[in-house]
Amino acid sequence: MVEFKNALGLDIGAARIGVARVNSIAKLPQALKILDNDENFLNNLVKLVEEFQIDLVVVGLPRNMNGEETEQSKVIVRFCDEKITPLGIKYIFQDETLSTNEAEARNSNKSRHVDDLAAVVILEDFIRTNI
């Protein structure tokens, strides 16, 4: 069991990062926003951490259908090592297999990006497997 009060979920992509949040009492993830994966990401992340009093970040980790890590998994781990670790925020990885497919199925507005909805799915999986 992973203890936390408020968590952010991140669905990290090359261009965009979907962000959702959840607290340990309500356990109902909420899509927050989609951030650009650019030089402003860290500043935007810090603002969200402060605004929502985040004490845990749950990062989606891609795996193939056999559950094995992929080249993209290594990219995500390196991203977290370089960008999140220096901030001193606790983070963990959550398998994100098929999270984008699930987010697309939930998306009623087919013209919008689903990265934040994928972050919701990641948090739902985290809650189901860790709390």
Protein backbone atom coordinates (compact mmCIF):
# COMPACT_ATOMS: atom_id res chain seq x y z
CA MET A 1 0.00 0.00 0.00
CA VAL A 2 1.31 3.40 -1.00
CA GLU A 3 0.41 6.22 1.38
CA PHE A 4 -0.31 9.70 0.09
CA LYS A 5 -2.70 12.60 0.58
CA ASN A 6 -2.77 14.11 -2.90
CA ALA A 7 -1.31 12.60 -6.04
CA LEU A 8 -0.78 13.70 -9.61
CA GLY A 9 -0.93 11.26 -12.47
CA LEU A 10 1.25 11.89 -15.52
CA ASP A 11 0.89 10.43 -18.99
CA ILE A 12 4.19 11.48 -20.55
CA GLY A 13 4.44 11.78 -24.30
CA ALA A 14 7.02 13.29 -26.61
CA ALA A 15 4.92 16.41 -27.28
CA ARG A 16 2.33 16.52 -24.48
CA ILE A 17 1.96 15.41 -20.87
CA GLY A 18 -1.49 14.61 -19.56
CA VAL A 19 -2.09 15.52 -15.92
CA ALA A 20 -4.76 14.29 -13.51
CA ARG A 21 -5.09 14.42 -9.75
CA VAL A 22 -6.60 12.37 -6.96
CA ASN A 23 -6.73 12.53 -3.18
CA SER A 24 -6.61 9.56 -0.86
CA ILE A 25 -10.02 10.25 0.67
CA ALA A 26 -12.29 10.63 -2.36
CA LYS A 27 -10.22 8.34 -4.62
CA LEU A 28 -11.89 9.85 -7.71
CA PRO A 29 -9.28 10.94 -10.27
CA GLN A 30 -9.95 14.20 -12.08
CA ALA A 31 -8.43 15.29 -15.38
CA LEU A 32 -6.57 18.56 -14.86
CA LYS A 33 -4.81 19.65 -18.01
CA ILE A 34 -2.48 18.84 -20.82
CA LEU A 35 0.96 20.40 -20.60
CA ASP A 36 3.44 20.80 -23.41
CA ASN A 37 6.53 18.65 -22.97
CA ASP A 38 8.88 21.58 -23.31
CA GLU A 39 11.18 23.84 -21.31
CA ASN A 40 8.20 25.14 -19.28
CA PHE A 41 7.09 21.73 -18.05
CA LEU A 42 9.02 21.80 -14.77
CA ASN A 43 7.73 25.24 -13.80
CA ASN A 44 4.18 24.13 -14.62
CA LEU A 45 4.64 20.93 -12.62
CA VAL A 46 5.94 22.82 -9.59
CA LYS A 47 2.91 25.15 -9.72
CA LEU A 48 0.54 22.15 -9.75
CA VAL A 49 2.42 20.46 -6.90
CA GLU A 50 2.10 23.60 -4.79
CA GLU A 51 -1.51 24.38 -5.76
CA PHE A 52 -2.82 20.91 -4.99
CA GLN A 53 -0.37 20.07 -2.16
CA ILE A 54 0.91 17.01 -4.02
CA ASP A 55 2.97 14.49 -2.10
CA LEU A 56 3.11 11.75 -4.77
CA VAL A 57 3.42 11.66 -8.55
CA VAL A 58 2.22 8.53 -10.36
CA VAL A 59 3.90 8.21 -13.73
CA GLY A 60 2.53 5.97 -16.45
CA LEU A 61 5.16 3.47 -17.59
CA PRO A 62 4.58 1.86 -20.98
CA ARG A 63 5.04 -1.87 -21.37
CA ASN A 64 4.42 -4.20 -24.25
CA MET A 65 1.52 -6.67 -24.24
CA ASN A 66 3.76 -9.25 -22.49
CA GLY A 67 4.30 -6.83 -19.60
CA GLU A 68 7.93 -6.18 -20.52
CA GLU A 69 9.49 -2.73 -20.58
CA THR A 70 10.05 -1.09 -23.95
CA GLU A 71 12.42 1.51 -25.34
CA GLN A 72 9.77 4.10 -24.46
CA SER A 73 9.85 2.80 -20.86
CA LYS A 74 13.53 3.72 -20.71
CA VAL A 75 12.74 7.21 -22.05
CA ILE A 76 10.14 7.71 -19.31
CA VAL A 77 12.48 6.51 -16.55
CA ARG A 78 15.22 8.84 -17.80
CA PHE A 79 12.72 11.73 -18.00
CA CYS A 80 11.75 11.19 -14.35
CA ASP A 81 15.38 10.84 -13.23
CA GLU A 82 16.29 14.09 -14.94
CA LYS A 83 13.19 16.21 -14.30
CA ILE A 84 11.25 14.94 -11.29
CA THR A 85 13.96 13.53 -9.00
CA PRO A 86 15.75 16.90 -8.62
CA LEU A 87 12.48 18.45 -7.38
CA GLY A 88 12.43 16.11 -4.38
CA ILE A 89 8.89 14.90 -5.13
CA LYS A 90 8.21 11.23 -4.46
CA TYR A 91 7.16 9.42 -7.62
CA ILE A 92 6.31 5.87 -8.59
CA PHE A 93 5.60 4.12 -11.85
CA GLN A 94 2.28 2.58 -12.81
CA ASP A 95 1.81 0.28 -15.79
CA GLU A 96 -0.03 2.30 -18.43
CA THR A 97 -0.74 -0.50 -20.89
CA LEU A 98 -3.80 0.42 -22.97
CA SER A 99 -4.48 3.61 -20.97
CA THR A 100 -4.65 5.69 -24.14
CA ASN A 101 -7.07 3.20 -25.73
CA GLU A 102 -9.30 3.44 -22.65
CA ALA A 103 -9.07 7.24 -22.68
CA GLU A 104 -10.03 7.37 -26.35
CA ALA A 105 -13.04 5.14 -25.66
CA ARG A 106 -14.19 7.56 -22.94
CA ASN A 107 -13.63 10.67 -25.05
CA SER A 108 -16.91 12.08 -26.31
CA ASN A 109 -15.17 14.96 -28.13
CA LYS A 110 -13.10 13.16 -30.74
CA SER A 111 -11.31 16.38 -31.74
CA ARG A 112 -9.58 16.86 -28.37
CA HIS A 113 -6.38 15.24 -27.15
CA VAL A 114 -6.87 12.52 -24.54
CA ASP A 115 -3.59 12.80 -22.61
CA ASP A 116 -5.30 14.08 -19.44
CA LEU A 117 -7.90 11.30 -19.66
CA ALA A 118 -5.08 8.76 -20.00
CA ALA A 119 -3.62 10.22 -16.78
CA VAL A 120 -7.00 9.59 -15.12
CA VAL A 121 -6.88 5.95 -16.26
CA ILE A 122 -3.34 5.65 -14.86
CA LEU A 123 -4.52 6.96 -11.48
CA GLU A 124 -7.54 4.63 -11.49
CA ASP A 125 -5.24 1.67 -12.10
CA PHE A 126 -2.92 2.91 -9.34
CA ILE A 127 -5.80 3.16 -6.87
CA ARG A 128 -7.14 -0.27 -7.82
CA THR A 129 -3.74 -1.96 -7.38
CA ASN A 130 -2.20 0.00 -4.49
CA ILE A 131 -4.90 1.16 -2.11
